[in-house]
Structures are given as C-alpha cells and as structure tokens.
C-alpha atoms as a PDB file:
ATOM      1  CA  MET A   1     158.084  41.318  69.206  1.00  0.00           C
ATOM      2  CA  LEU A   2     159.817  44.483  68.131  1.00  0.00           C
ATOM      3  CA  ASP A   3     158.430  45.946  64.938  1.00  0.00           C
ATOM      4  CA  LEU A   4     160.202  49.158  64.099  1.00  0.00           C
ATOM      5  CA  SER A   5     158.623  51.513  61.647  1.00  0.00           C
ATOM      6  CA  LEU A   6     160.845  53.615  59.435  1.00  0.00           C
ATOM      7  CA  LEU A   7     159.940  56.668  61.531  1.00  0.00           C
ATOM      8  CA  GLN A   8     160.975  54.892  64.753  1.00  0.00           C
ATOM      9  CA  LEU A   9     164.208  53.814  63.088  1.00  0.00           C
ATOM     10  CA  VAL A  10     164.967  57.369  61.945  1.00  0.00           C
ATOM     11  CA  LYS A  11     164.130  58.820  65.376  1.00  0.00           C
ATOM     12  CA  SER A  12     166.325  56.313  67.183  1.00  0.00           C
ATOM     13  CA  SER A  13     169.120  56.931  64.674  1.00  0.00           C
ATOM     14  CA  ILE A  14     168.952  60.686  65.220  1.00  0.00           C
ATOM     15  CA  LEU A  15     168.916  60.372  69.012  1.00  0.00           C
ATOM     16  CA  SER A  16     171.661  57.754  69.117  1.00  0.00           C
ATOM     17  CA  GLY A  17     173.767  59.641  66.565  1.00  0.00           C
ATOM     18  CA  ALA A  18     173.436  62.867  68.545  1.00  0.00           C
ATOM     19  CA  LEU A  19     174.384  61.096  71.771  1.00  0.00           C
ATOM     20  CA  GLN A  20     177.373  59.417  70.064  1.00  0.00           C
ATOM     21  CA  PHE A  21     178.480  62.820  68.782  1.00  0.00           C
ATOM     22  CA  THR A  22     178.080  64.266  72.302  1.00  0.00           C
ATOM     23  CA  ALA A  23     180.039  61.383  73.823  1.00  0.00           C
ATOM     24  CA  GLY A  24     182.839  62.052  71.338  1.00  0.00           C
ATOM     25  CA  ALA A  25     182.874  65.740  72.260  1.00  0.00           C
ATOM     26  CA  VAL A  26     182.999  64.882  75.979  1.00  0.00           C
ATOM     27  CA  MET A  27     185.913  62.513  75.364  1.00  0.00           C
ATOM     28  CA  MET A  28     187.720  65.302  73.508  1.00  0.00           C
ATOM     29  CA  LEU A  29     187.287  67.496  76.595  1.00  0.00           C
ATOM     30  CA  VAL A  30     188.375  64.729  78.976  1.00  0.00           C
ATOM     31  CA  PHE A  31     191.514  64.132  76.931  1.00  0.00           C
ATOM     32  CA  SER A  32     192.031  67.773  75.979  1.00  0.00           C
ATOM     33  CA  SER A  33     195.690  67.621  77.001  1.00  0.00           C
ATOM     34  CA  TRP A  34     196.215  65.297  74.037  1.00  0.00           C
ATOM     35  CA  GLY A  35     193.962  67.285  71.712  1.00  0.00           C
ATOM     36  CA  HIS A  36     196.511  69.607  70.174  1.00  0.00           C
ATOM     37  CA  ARG A  37     198.897  66.718  69.445  1.00  0.00           C
ATOM     38  CA  VAL A  38     196.116  64.594  67.952  1.00  0.00           C
ATOM     39  CA  PHE A  39     194.832  67.383  65.698  1.00  0.00           C
ATOM     40  CA  ASN A  40     198.383  68.253  64.684  1.00  0.00           C
ATOM     41  CA  GLU A  41     198.946  64.649  63.607  1.00  0.00           C
ATOM     42  CA  LEU A  42     195.602  64.482  61.801  1.00  0.00           C
ATOM     43  CA  ASN A  43     196.444  67.644  59.872  1.00  0.00           C
ATOM     44  CA  HIS A  44     200.111  66.979  59.106  1.00  0.00           C
ATOM     45  CA  ASN A  45     200.550  63.203  58.776  1.00  0.00           C
ATOM     46  CA  ALA A  46     200.464  62.204  55.099  1.00  0.00           C
ATOM     47  CA  ALA A  47     198.684  58.940  55.961  1.00  0.00           C
ATOM     48  CA  PHE A  48     195.480  60.832  56.728  1.00  0.00           C
ATOM     49  CA  ARG A  49     193.235  62.519  54.236  1.00  0.00           C
ATOM     50  CA  PRO A  50     193.108  66.307  54.625  1.00  0.00           C
ATOM     51  CA  GLN A  51     190.267  67.818  56.643  1.00  0.00           C
ATOM     52  CA  SER A  52     189.147  69.544  53.433  1.00  0.00           C
ATOM     53  CA  ASP A  53     188.227  66.113  51.990  1.00  0.00           C
ATOM     54  CA  PHE A  54     184.489  65.543  52.544  1.00  0.00           C
ATOM     55  CA  ARG A  55     185.099  62.015  53.815  1.00  0.00           C
ATOM     56  CA  MET A  56     187.497  63.121  56.542  1.00  0.00           C
ATOM     57  CA  GLY A  57     186.143  66.560  57.380  1.00  0.00           C
ATOM     58  CA  VAL A  58     182.395  65.904  57.258  1.00  0.00           C
ATOM     59  CA  TYR A  59     181.525  62.195  57.088  1.00  0.00           C
ATOM     60  CA  VAL A  60     183.767  60.862  59.867  1.00  0.00           C
ATOM     61  CA  PRO A  61     183.077  63.491  62.547  1.00  0.00           C
ATOM     62  CA  PHE A  62     179.486  64.482  61.726  1.00  0.00           C
ATOM     63  CA  LEU A  63     177.655  61.838  59.665  1.00  0.00           C
ATOM     64  CA  CYS A  64     179.288  58.621  60.809  1.00  0.00           C
ATOM     65  CA  PRO A  65     177.508  58.438  64.206  1.00  0.00           C
ATOM     66  CA  PHE A  66     174.096  58.685  62.513  1.00  0.00           C
ATOM     67  CA  VAL A  67     174.931  56.092  59.847  1.00  0.00           C
ATOM     68  CA  ASN A  68     176.261  53.765  62.541  1.00  0.00           C
ATOM     69  CA  ALA A  69     173.076  54.185  64.594  1.00  0.00           C
ATOM     70  CA  PHE A  70     170.881  53.547  61.546  1.00  0.00           C
ATOM     71  CA  LEU A  71     172.780  50.376  60.609  1.00  0.00           C
ATOM     72  CA  LEU A  72     172.606  49.067  64.153  1.00  0.00           C
ATOM     73  CA  GLY A  73     168.877  49.846  64.251  1.00  0.00           C
ATOM     74  CA  LEU A  74     168.375  47.851  61.051  1.00  0.00           C
ATOM     75  CA  MET A  75     170.253  44.939  62.554  1.00  0.00           C
ATOM     76  CA  PHE A  76     168.215  45.067  65.755  1.00  0.00           C
ATOM     77  CA  GLN A  77     165.026  45.183  63.739  1.00  0.00           C
ATOM     78  CA  HIS A  78     166.021  42.188  61.640  1.00  0.00           C
ATOM     79  CA  VAL A  79     167.347  40.067  64.483  1.00  0.00           C
ATOM     80  CA  LEU A  80     164.620  40.877  66.995  1.00  0.00           C
ATOM     81  CA  VAL A  81     161.719  40.756  64.527  1.00  0.00           C
ATOM     82  CA  ASN A  82     162.917  37.724  62.607  1.00  0.00           C
ATOM     83  CA  ILE A  83     164.110  35.497  65.434  1.00  0.00           C
ATOM     84  CA  PRO A  84     161.444  32.889  64.542  1.00  0.00           C
ATOM     85  CA  LEU A  85     162.766  32.913  60.953  1.00  0.00           C
ATOM     86  CA  THR A  86     166.378  32.661  62.083  1.00  0.00           C
ATOM     87  CA  ALA A  87     165.536  30.045  64.707  1.00  0.00           C
ATOM     88  CA  SER A  88     163.842  27.861  62.103  1.00  0.00           C
ATOM     89  CA  LEU A  89     167.048  27.692  60.083  1.00  0.00           C
ATOM     90  CA  PRO A  90     169.721  25.089  60.700  1.00  0.00           C
ATOM     91  CA  ALA A  91     172.196  26.333  63.296  1.00  0.00           C
ATOM     92  CA  TRP A  92     174.970  27.010  60.778  1.00  0.00           C
ATOM     93  CA  GLN A  93     172.680  29.137  58.598  1.00  0.00           C
ATOM     94  CA  SER A  94     171.368  31.059  61.589  1.00  0.00           C
ATOM     95  CA  GLY A  95     174.952  31.764  62.675  1.00  0.00           C
ATOM     96  CA  ALA A  96     175.865  32.890  59.170  1.00  0.00           C
ATOM     97  CA  VAL A  97     172.899  35.303  59.052  1.00  0.00           C
ATOM     98  CA  VAL A  98     173.660  36.859  62.449  1.00  0.00           C
ATOM     99  CA  SER A  99     177.370  37.133  61.607  1.00  0.00           C
ATOM    100  CA  PHE A 100     176.534  38.791  58.296  1.00  0.00           C
ATOM    101  CA  LEU A 101     174.376  41.358  60.109  1.00  0.00           C
ATOM    102  CA  LEU A 102     177.114  42.054  62.655  1.00  0.00           C
ATOM    103  CA  TRP A 103     179.642  42.390  59.818  1.00  0.00           C
ATOM    104  CA  LEU A 104     177.332  44.800  57.995  1.00  0.00           C
ATOM    105  CA  THR A 105     176.713  47.013  61.016  1.00  0.00           C
ATOM    106  CA  ASN A 106     180.219  46.965  62.450  1.00  0.00           C
ATOM    107  CA  THR A 107     183.071  45.692  60.309  1.00  0.00           C
ATOM    108  CA  ALA A 108     181.902  46.963  56.924  1.00  0.00           C
ATOM    109  CA  HIS A 109     181.098  50.401  58.290  1.00  0.00           C
ATOM    110  CA  GLY A 110     184.460  50.477  60.085  1.00  0.00           C
ATOM    111  CA  ILE A 111     186.234  49.738  56.815  1.00  0.00           C
ATOM    112  CA  VAL A 112     184.313  52.578  55.148  1.00  0.00           C
ATOM    113  CA  ILE A 113     185.466  54.860  57.979  1.00  0.00           C
ATOM    114  CA  ASP A 114     189.069  53.705  57.402  1.00  0.00           C
ATOM    115  CA  TRP A 115     188.694  54.531  53.698  1.00  0.00           C
ATOM    116  CA  CYS A 116     187.398  57.958  54.655  1.00  0.00           C
ATOM    117  CA  CYS A 117     190.318  58.628  57.002  1.00  0.00           C
ATOM    118  CA  TYR A 118     193.312  57.023  55.324  1.00  0.00           C
ATOM    119  CA  ARG A 119     194.717  57.357  51.856  1.00  0.00           C
ATOM    120  CA  ILE A 120     193.770  53.887  50.663  1.00  0.00           C
ATOM    121  CA  SER A 121     192.166  53.010  47.359  1.00  0.00           C
ATOM    122  CA  ALA A 122     188.559  52.032  46.842  1.00  0.00           C
ATOM    123  CA  LEU A 123     189.857  48.721  45.420  1.00  0.00           C
ATOM    124  CA  LEU A 124     191.685  47.907  48.663  1.00  0.00           C
ATOM    125  CA  THR A 125     188.587  48.916  50.612  1.00  0.00           C
ATOM    126  CA  VAL A 126     186.358  46.556  48.596  1.00  0.00           C
ATOM    127  CA  TRP A 127     188.929  43.769  48.912  1.00  0.00           C
ATOM    128  CA  MET A 128     189.029  44.182  52.717  1.00  0.00           C
ATOM    129  CA  MET A 129     185.233  44.196  52.848  1.00  0.00           C
ATOM    130  CA  LEU A 130     184.926  40.992  50.806  1.00  0.00           C
ATOM    131  CA  CYS A 131     187.632  39.186  52.790  1.00  0.00           C
ATOM    132  CA  THR A 132     186.152  40.136  56.164  1.00  0.00           C
ATOM    133  CA  LEU A 133     182.651  39.253  54.933  1.00  0.00           C
ATOM    134  CA  ALA A 134     183.772  35.743  54.028  1.00  0.00           C
ATOM    135  CA  GLN A 135     185.557  35.356  57.361  1.00  0.00           C
ATOM    136  CA  SER A 136     182.541  36.610  59.323  1.00  0.00           C
ATOM    137  CA  VAL A 137     180.034  34.336  57.619  1.00  0.00           C
ATOM    138  CA  VAL A 138     182.290  31.291  58.005  1.00  0.00           C
ATOM    139  CA  ASN A 139     182.960  32.189  61.637  1.00  0.00           C
ATOM    140  CA  GLY A 140     179.243  32.546  62.408  1.00  0.00           C
ATOM    141  CA  ALA A 141     178.285  29.373  60.582  1.00  0.00           C
ATOM    142  CA  VAL A 142     180.969  27.215  62.157  1.00  0.00           C
ATOM    143  CA  THR A 143     180.649  28.634  65.663  1.00  0.00           C
ATOM    144  CA  SER A 144     176.859  28.318  65.654  1.00  0.00           C
ATOM    145  CA  TRP A 145     177.050  24.780  64.261  1.00  0.00           C
ATOM    146  CA  MET A 146     179.677  23.728  66.826  1.00  0.00           C
ATOM    147  CA  LEU A 147     177.844  25.253  69.791  1.00  0.00           C
ATOM    148  CA  SER A 148     174.407  23.961  68.793  1.00  0.00           C
ATOM    149  CA  GLY A 149     175.133  20.489  69.984  1.00  0.00           C
END
C-alpha cells in the first residue's frame, strides 16, 4: 500500500511541478518560431487577461504546475491507499468516487486555469464547475455500474 506523508506529497509536488515547468520551457524553445505570435496574441487579444493580472502573469505560468502536481498526488494517495474502501462500495458508488477525484484533479483545476486566463466571471466559473461535477459523477457511476457485470 502507498501511504504518502504530507512531506512526501510536498516533495513530489515540488519535483513534478518543477519538471512540468521545465517541460513547458522546452516546448517554448521547440516551438520558438511560433513564440512571438503567441505572446503577441496573449498580450493584445482582449479575450485574455493582461499579464499584469496575478492570475495570468503569476498563477498560470509559475504556480499552476505545482498546484496540479499536488492535486494529482492527493488523488493518487486517496485512490491507492483507499482501494479496499472503494472496492467495498457498490460499483456505481466506487465509480462516482473515482470520477469525482479525477474531476477534482483535472477538470476543476482546468476550469480555474480558464478563469485565470480568460475574462470570464467567477459566477460562470462556478457554474461550469458544478455542471461538470454533476456530469463526471454520473458518468463514473453509470459507467462503473454498467461495466461491473
């Protein structure tokens, strides 16, 4: 069984976040011929928040990889440590739990990133999060129930 301590979780989040940041920098170099056009659009298209906005200028490029790594680490810890708990649930409940965790670590964080990048309201962001949460839980419950036999 995997039993992550908070220190292990923080260490893995820092390492993974740093490697995600590095991978992003490498991709910027690989696609450097596009770079000036991309940055021009980011800085001049009214759909995007200005780089001076904390969400766009700091969170998305610098903090997001670490938050993403931490959320994924939490999901791994829950799923891998609590498999006996999840396995003891009826199939539809187990599917709903796993889908909720995937939604939390992927979809919800992606919607927060969208809110950071685009000029959308917090109300729209919450609405999108609630709608996708409901869809994810239903999807996990039904799929798990249908595939369980």
